[in-house]
């Protein structure tokens, strides 16, 4: 009675080869598509981690002005001319950031604008329409850092961050899959991946 080693079916080999080819294709092209995104988040990760070296100065400006008293001096707060007030401030100070808050109080109206590396807060008297506004502008690094964190960047940028995270996951997983197909590198590759994982855990456990 002879022992024979069962041969792999041609269909199984073909499927395995196709899966490897698909993984390689995904890894290469997703890496190229997300190259700029990965580079952006890598560089801004360094600038965020070292604010003493890379944090630019915030330029702060204080201004005063006058609005139409009829816009704010009304008993019914529903009739306060919100749109006109916002557009006046936009035109006067070149504000492009969206309004994040419009608060109506008994004595004043508070209007806030927020964007990456940018903030503007105006306080308008409901008695006479006079206002004070503070504008804060960051440099290029401050803008990039806010984009990295998704701070005041809007819903569309938040979607881009989610897409970037998904692309990075695909790159990582397809990289592992490709490694498993290389018999000579499989064991050493897994060992190095585990070493990296253990080192990250030790740094967290010992120094964080």
C-alpha atoms as a PDB file:
ATOM      1  CA  UNK A   1       0.000   0.000   0.000  1.00  0.00           C
ATOM      2  CA  UNK A   2       1.645   3.257  -1.109  1.00  0.00           C
ATOM      3  CA  UNK A   3       1.154   6.641   0.502  1.00  0.00           C
ATOM      4  CA  UNK A   4       0.557   9.378  -2.041  1.00  0.00           C
ATOM      5  CA  UNK A   5       0.655  13.099  -1.278  1.00  0.00           C
ATOM      6  CA  UNK A   6      -2.600  14.691  -2.413  1.00  0.00           C
ATOM      7  CA  UNK A   7      -2.045  17.224  -5.146  1.00  0.00           C
ATOM      8  CA  UNK A   8      -3.541  20.663  -4.949  1.00  0.00           C
ATOM      9  CA  UNK A   9      -6.389  21.154  -7.338  1.00  0.00           C
ATOM     10  CA  UNK A  10      -5.712  23.428 -10.339  1.00  0.00           C
ATOM     11  CA  UNK A  11      -8.756  25.490  -9.369  1.00  0.00           C
ATOM     12  CA  UNK A  12      -7.395  26.119  -5.873  1.00  0.00           C
ATOM     13  CA  UNK A  13      -3.986  27.119  -7.220  1.00  0.00           C
ATOM     14  CA  UNK A  14      -5.600  29.439  -9.746  1.00  0.00           C
ATOM     15  CA  UNK A  15      -7.761  31.130  -7.102  1.00  0.00           C
ATOM     16  CA  UNK A  16      -4.756  31.546  -4.815  1.00  0.00           C
ATOM     17  CA  UNK A  17      -2.750  33.124  -7.622  1.00  0.00           C
ATOM     18  CA  UNK A  18      -5.594  35.480  -8.527  1.00  0.00           C
ATOM     19  CA  UNK A  19      -6.003  36.524  -4.893  1.00  0.00           C
ATOM     20  CA  UNK A  20      -2.282  37.292  -4.675  1.00  0.00           C
ATOM     21  CA  UNK A  21      -2.425  39.302  -7.903  1.00  0.00           C
ATOM     22  CA  UNK A  22      -5.455  41.264  -6.676  1.00  0.00           C
ATOM     23  CA  UNK A  23      -3.711  41.999  -3.369  1.00  0.00           C
ATOM     24  CA  UNK A  24      -0.582  43.167  -5.183  1.00  0.00           C
ATOM     25  CA  UNK A  25      -2.639  45.373  -7.506  1.00  0.00           C
ATOM     26  CA  UNK A  26      -4.523  46.901  -4.557  1.00  0.00           C
ATOM     27  CA  UNK A  27      -1.343  47.450  -2.561  1.00  0.00           C
ATOM     28  CA  UNK A  28       0.474  49.214  -5.406  1.00  0.00           C
ATOM     29  CA  UNK A  29      -2.310  51.437  -6.690  1.00  0.00           C
ATOM     30  CA  UNK A  30      -3.867  52.312  -3.341  1.00  0.00           C
ATOM     31  CA  UNK A  31      -0.358  53.254  -2.163  1.00  0.00           C
ATOM     32  CA  UNK A  32       0.033  55.562  -5.157  1.00  0.00           C
ATOM     33  CA  UNK A  33      -3.439  57.089  -4.757  1.00  0.00           C
ATOM     34  CA  UNK A  34      -2.896  57.769  -1.064  1.00  0.00           C
ATOM     35  CA  UNK A  35       0.773  58.799  -1.344  1.00  0.00           C
ATOM     36  CA  UNK A  36       0.092  62.521  -0.862  1.00  0.00           C
ATOM     37  CA  UNK A  37      -2.394  61.840   1.945  1.00  0.00           C
ATOM     38  CA  UNK A  38      -0.016  59.554   3.856  1.00  0.00           C
ATOM     39  CA  UNK A  39       2.819  62.050   3.387  1.00  0.00           C
ATOM     40  CA  UNK A  40       0.604  64.905   4.621  1.00  0.00           C
ATOM     41  CA  UNK A  41      -0.476  63.115   7.794  1.00  0.00           C
ATOM     42  CA  UNK A  42       3.081  61.910   8.437  1.00  0.00           C
ATOM     43  CA  UNK A  43       4.610  65.392   8.182  1.00  0.00           C
ATOM     44  CA  UNK A  44       1.864  67.082  10.187  1.00  0.00           C
ATOM     45  CA  UNK A  45       2.172  64.335  12.783  1.00  0.00           C
ATOM     46  CA  UNK A  46       5.740  65.555  13.383  1.00  0.00           C
ATOM     47  CA  UNK A  47       4.736  69.226  13.498  1.00  0.00           C
ATOM     48  CA  UNK A  48       1.944  68.436  15.965  1.00  0.00           C
ATOM     49  CA  UNK A  49       4.255  66.382  18.152  1.00  0.00           C
ATOM     50  CA  UNK A  50       6.841  69.180  18.345  1.00  0.00           C
ATOM     51  CA  UNK A  51       4.864  72.434  18.751  1.00  0.00           C
ATOM     52  CA  UNK A  52       7.861  74.214  20.313  1.00  0.00           C
ATOM     53  CA  UNK A  53       9.759  73.946  17.035  1.00  0.00           C
ATOM     54  CA  UNK A  54       6.999  74.230  14.469  1.00  0.00           C
ATOM     55  CA  UNK A  55       4.168  76.239  16.042  1.00  0.00           C
ATOM     56  CA  UNK A  56       3.885  79.574  14.279  1.00  0.00           C
ATOM     57  CA  UNK A  57       2.694  82.732  15.958  1.00  0.00           C
ATOM     58  CA  UNK A  58      -1.004  83.533  16.026  1.00  0.00           C
ATOM     59  CA  UNK A  59      -1.756  86.977  14.674  1.00  0.00           C
ATOM     60  CA  UNK A  60      -4.419  88.599  16.858  1.00  0.00           C
ATOM     61  CA  UNK A  61      -6.359  91.665  15.727  1.00  0.00           C
ATOM     62  CA  UNK A  62      -8.980  93.682  17.616  1.00  0.00           C
ATOM     63  CA  UNK A  63     -11.405  95.911  15.719  1.00  0.00           C
ATOM     64  CA  UNK A  64     -14.491  97.994  16.459  1.00  0.00           C
ATOM     65  CA  UNK A  65     -17.355  99.017  14.234  1.00  0.00           C
ATOM     66  CA  UNK A  66     -20.987  99.963  13.871  1.00  0.00           C
ATOM     67  CA  UNK A  67     -23.971  98.061  12.517  1.00  0.00           C
ATOM     68  CA  UNK A  68     -27.448  99.232  11.639  1.00  0.00           C
ATOM     69  CA  UNK A  69     -29.220  99.615  15.002  1.00  0.00           C
ATOM     70  CA  UNK A  70     -32.493  98.424  13.466  1.00  0.00           C
ATOM     71  CA  UNK A  71     -30.905  95.014  12.870  1.00  0.00           C
ATOM     72  CA  UNK A  72     -30.515  94.281  16.578  1.00  0.00           C
ATOM     73  CA  UNK A  73     -32.735  96.673  18.556  1.00  0.00           C
ATOM     74  CA  UNK A  74     -35.952  94.661  18.308  1.00  0.00           C
ATOM     75  CA  UNK A  75     -38.072  93.056  21.014  1.00  0.00           C
ATOM     76  CA  UNK A  76     -38.705  89.908  18.992  1.00  0.00           C
ATOM     77  CA  UNK A  77     -35.356  88.095  18.644  1.00  0.00           C
ATOM     78  CA  UNK A  78     -36.663  86.240  15.597  1.00  0.00           C
ATOM     79  CA  UNK A  79     -36.541  89.569  13.718  1.00  0.00           C
ATOM     80  CA  UNK A  80     -32.832  90.140  14.397  1.00  0.00           C
ATOM     81  CA  UNK A  81     -31.133  90.478  11.006  1.00  0.00           C
ATOM     82  CA  UNK A  82     -28.701  87.580  11.345  1.00  0.00           C
ATOM     83  CA  UNK A  83     -27.849  87.273   7.667  1.00  0.00           C
ATOM     84  CA  UNK A  84     -27.163  90.984   7.229  1.00  0.00           C
ATOM     85  CA  UNK A  85     -24.949  91.036  10.329  1.00  0.00           C
ATOM     86  CA  UNK A  86     -22.900  88.044   9.208  1.00  0.00           C
ATOM     87  CA  UNK A  87     -22.491  89.353   5.664  1.00  0.00           C
ATOM     88  CA  UNK A  88     -21.384  92.776   6.923  1.00  0.00           C
ATOM     89  CA  UNK A  89     -18.634  91.160   9.002  1.00  0.00           C
ATOM     90  CA  UNK A  90     -17.584  88.940   6.097  1.00  0.00           C
ATOM     91  CA  UNK A  91     -17.339  91.901   3.739  1.00  0.00           C
ATOM     92  CA  UNK A  92     -15.637  94.175   6.264  1.00  0.00           C
ATOM     93  CA  UNK A  93     -12.937  91.722   7.382  1.00  0.00           C
ATOM     94  CA  UNK A  94     -12.706  89.235   4.529  1.00  0.00           C
ATOM     95  CA  UNK A  95     -14.002  86.371   6.663  1.00  0.00           C
ATOM     96  CA  UNK A  96     -14.433  83.133   4.691  1.00  0.00           C
ATOM     97  CA  UNK A  97     -14.809  80.682   7.579  1.00  0.00           C
ATOM     98  CA  UNK A  98     -18.315  79.373   8.325  1.00  0.00           C
ATOM     99  CA  UNK A  99     -20.422  80.621  11.221  1.00  0.00           C
ATOM    100  CA  UNK A 100     -20.169  78.130  14.086  1.00  0.00           C
ATOM    101  CA  UNK A 101     -22.308  80.007  16.592  1.00  0.00           C
ATOM    102  CA  UNK A 102     -24.809  82.862  16.618  1.00  0.00           C
ATOM    103  CA  UNK A 103     -25.885  83.464  20.186  1.00  0.00           C
ATOM    104  CA  UNK A 104     -28.547  86.020  21.105  1.00  0.00           C
ATOM    105  CA  UNK A 105     -28.433  87.382  24.632  1.00  0.00           C
ATOM    106  CA  UNK A 106     -30.359  90.137  26.364  1.00  0.00           C
ATOM    107  CA  UNK A 107     -27.662  92.788  25.917  1.00  0.00           C
ATOM    108  CA  UNK A 108     -25.695  91.527  22.924  1.00  0.00           C
ATOM    109  CA  UNK A 109     -25.337  89.100  20.055  1.00  0.00           C
ATOM    110  CA  UNK A 110     -22.247  86.884  19.857  1.00  0.00           C
ATOM    111  CA  UNK A 111     -21.118  85.629  16.441  1.00  0.00           C
ATOM    112  CA  UNK A 112     -18.311  83.100  16.010  1.00  0.00           C
ATOM    113  CA  UNK A 113     -16.525  82.022  12.830  1.00  0.00           C
ATOM    114  CA  UNK A 114     -14.139  79.059  12.777  1.00  0.00           C
ATOM    115  CA  UNK A 115     -11.851  77.541  10.166  1.00  0.00           C
ATOM    116  CA  UNK A 116      -8.492  75.725  10.069  1.00  0.00           C
ATOM    117  CA  UNK A 117      -5.987  78.095  11.686  1.00  0.00           C
ATOM    118  CA  UNK A 118      -8.593  80.835  11.880  1.00  0.00           C
ATOM    119  CA  UNK A 119     -11.076  82.223  14.414  1.00  0.00           C
ATOM    120  CA  UNK A 120     -13.209  85.358  14.629  1.00  0.00           C
ATOM    121  CA  UNK A 121     -15.514  86.360  17.478  1.00  0.00           C
ATOM    122  CA  UNK A 122     -17.792  89.399  17.281  1.00  0.00           C
ATOM    123  CA  UNK A 123     -19.907  90.877  20.067  1.00  0.00           C
ATOM    124  CA  UNK A 124     -22.664  93.221  18.924  1.00  0.00           C
ATOM    125  CA  UNK A 125     -24.536  95.503  21.323  1.00  0.00           C
ATOM    126  CA  UNK A 126     -28.292  95.187  20.948  1.00  0.00           C
ATOM    127  CA  UNK A 127     -28.712  98.713  22.280  1.00  0.00           C
ATOM    128  CA  UNK A 128     -26.891 100.711  19.621  1.00  0.00           C
ATOM    129  CA  UNK A 129     -25.427  98.211  17.102  1.00  0.00           C
ATOM    130  CA  UNK A 130     -21.806  98.886  18.033  1.00  0.00           C
ATOM    131  CA  UNK A 131     -19.535  95.852  17.977  1.00  0.00           C
ATOM    132  CA  UNK A 132     -16.095  94.556  18.842  1.00  0.00           C
ATOM    133  CA  UNK A 133     -14.437  91.751  16.930  1.00  0.00           C
ATOM    134  CA  UNK A 134     -11.327  89.686  17.612  1.00  0.00           C
ATOM    135  CA  UNK A 135      -9.614  87.919  14.716  1.00  0.00           C
ATOM    136  CA  UNK A 136      -7.022  85.169  15.154  1.00  0.00           C
ATOM    137  CA  UNK A 137      -4.968  83.950  12.206  1.00  0.00           C
ATOM    138  CA  UNK A 138      -2.380  81.166  12.300  1.00  0.00           C
ATOM    139  CA  UNK A 139       0.455  80.613   9.851  1.00  0.00           C
ATOM    140  CA  UNK A 140       0.734  77.763   7.347  1.00  0.00           C
ATOM    141  CA  UNK A 141       1.837  75.235   9.987  1.00  0.00           C
ATOM    142  CA  UNK A 142      -1.126  76.110  12.215  1.00  0.00           C
ATOM    143  CA  UNK A 143      -3.526  75.595   9.308  1.00  0.00           C
ATOM    144  CA  UNK A 144      -1.956  72.223   8.423  1.00  0.00           C
ATOM    145  CA  UNK A 145      -2.074  71.091  12.052  1.00  0.00           C
ATOM    146  CA  UNK A 146      -5.775  71.926  12.299  1.00  0.00           C
ATOM    147  CA  UNK A 147      -6.412  70.019   9.072  1.00  0.00           C
ATOM    148  CA  UNK A 148      -4.581  67.016  10.525  1.00  0.00           C
ATOM    149  CA  UNK A 149      -6.840  67.089  13.593  1.00  0.00           C
ATOM    150  CA  UNK A 150      -9.958  67.859  11.564  1.00  0.00           C
ATOM    151  CA  UNK A 151     -10.543  70.916  13.726  1.00  0.00           C
ATOM    152  CA  UNK A 152     -13.067  73.376  12.281  1.00  0.00           C
ATOM    153  CA  UNK A 153     -12.506  71.802   8.855  1.00  0.00           C
ATOM    154  CA  UNK A 154     -16.064  70.943   7.879  1.00  0.00           C
ATOM    155  CA  UNK A 155     -17.905  67.737   7.000  1.00  0.00           C
ATOM    156  CA  UNK A 156     -16.211  67.202   3.621  1.00  0.00           C
ATOM    157  CA  UNK A 157     -12.731  67.267   5.132  1.00  0.00           C
ATOM    158  CA  UNK A 158     -13.954  64.832   7.821  1.00  0.00           C
ATOM    159  CA  UNK A 159     -14.987  62.459   5.019  1.00  0.00           C
ATOM    160  CA  UNK A 160     -11.518  62.797   3.473  1.00  0.00           C
ATOM    161  CA  UNK A 161      -9.952  61.845   6.826  1.00  0.00           C
ATOM    162  CA  UNK A 162     -12.193  58.750   7.000  1.00  0.00           C
ATOM    163  CA  UNK A 163     -11.293  57.780   3.427  1.00  0.00           C
ATOM    164  CA  UNK A 164      -7.591  58.275   4.225  1.00  0.00           C
ATOM    165  CA  UNK A 165      -7.883  55.948   7.225  1.00  0.00           C
ATOM    166  CA  UNK A 166      -9.599  53.280   5.101  1.00  0.00           C
ATOM    167  CA  UNK A 167      -6.878  53.534   2.432  1.00  0.00           C
ATOM    168  CA  UNK A 168      -4.158  53.121   5.065  1.00  0.00           C
ATOM    169  CA  UNK A 169      -5.935  50.029   6.426  1.00  0.00           C
ATOM    170  CA  UNK A 170      -6.071  48.551   2.908  1.00  0.00           C
ATOM    171  CA  UNK A 171      -2.350  49.237   2.389  1.00  0.00           C
ATOM    172  CA  UNK A 172      -1.477  47.566   5.698  1.00  0.00           C
ATOM    173  CA  UNK A 173      -3.655  44.488   5.163  1.00  0.00           C
ATOM    174  CA  UNK A 174      -2.581  43.902   1.562  1.00  0.00           C
ATOM    175  CA  UNK A 175       1.048  44.298   2.648  1.00  0.00           C
ATOM    176  CA  UNK A 176       0.582  41.489   5.196  1.00  0.00           C
ATOM    177  CA  UNK A 177      -1.196  39.323   2.623  1.00  0.00           C
ATOM    178  CA  UNK A 178       1.657  39.766   0.137  1.00  0.00           C
ATOM    179  CA  UNK A 179       4.181  38.890   2.838  1.00  0.00           C
ATOM    180  CA  UNK A 180       2.358  35.619   3.552  1.00  0.00           C
ATOM    181  CA  UNK A 181       2.757  34.623  -0.096  1.00  0.00           C
ATOM    182  CA  UNK A 182       6.565  34.914   0.084  1.00  0.00           C
ATOM    183  CA  UNK A 183       7.675  31.702   1.802  1.00  0.00           C
ATOM    184  CA  UNK A 184      11.291  32.797   2.392  1.00  0.00           C
ATOM    185  CA  UNK A 185      10.229  36.055   4.077  1.00  0.00           C
ATOM    186  CA  UNK A 186       7.018  34.924   5.757  1.00  0.00           C
ATOM    187  CA  UNK A 187       8.370  33.943   9.185  1.00  0.00           C
ATOM    188  CA  UNK A 188      10.892  36.773   9.495  1.00  0.00           C
ATOM    189  CA  UNK A 189       8.290  39.304   8.344  1.00  0.00           C
ATOM    190  CA  UNK A 190       5.761  38.159  10.949  1.00  0.00           C
ATOM    191  CA  UNK A 191       8.474  38.225  13.624  1.00  0.00           C
ATOM    192  CA  UNK A 192       9.421  41.823  12.752  1.00  0.00           C
ATOM    193  CA  UNK A 193       5.749  42.846  12.773  1.00  0.00           C
ATOM    194  CA  UNK A 194       5.356  41.348  16.250  1.00  0.00           C
ATOM    195  CA  UNK A 195       8.556  43.061  17.422  1.00  0.00           C
ATOM    196  CA  UNK A 196       7.159  46.411  16.269  1.00  0.00           C
ATOM    197  CA  UNK A 197       3.889  45.725  18.080  1.00  0.00           C
ATOM    198  CA  UNK A 198       5.669  44.742  21.303  1.00  0.00           C
ATOM    199  CA  UNK A 199       7.974  47.787  21.161  1.00  0.00           C
ATOM    200  CA  UNK A 200       5.000  50.149  20.758  1.00  0.00           C
ATOM    201  CA  UNK A 201       3.264  48.471  23.701  1.00  0.00           C
ATOM    202  CA  UNK A 202       6.393  48.690  25.886  1.00  0.00           C
ATOM    203  CA  UNK A 203       6.850  52.394  25.133  1.00  0.00           C
ATOM    204  CA  UNK A 204       3.220  52.986  26.113  1.00  0.00           C
ATOM    205  CA  UNK A 205       3.451  50.831  29.238  1.00  0.00           C
ATOM    206  CA  UNK A 206       6.783  52.169  30.502  1.00  0.00           C
ATOM    207  CA  UNK A 207       6.768  55.849  29.566  1.00  0.00           C
ATOM    208  CA  UNK A 208       3.212  56.994  28.914  1.00  0.00           C
END
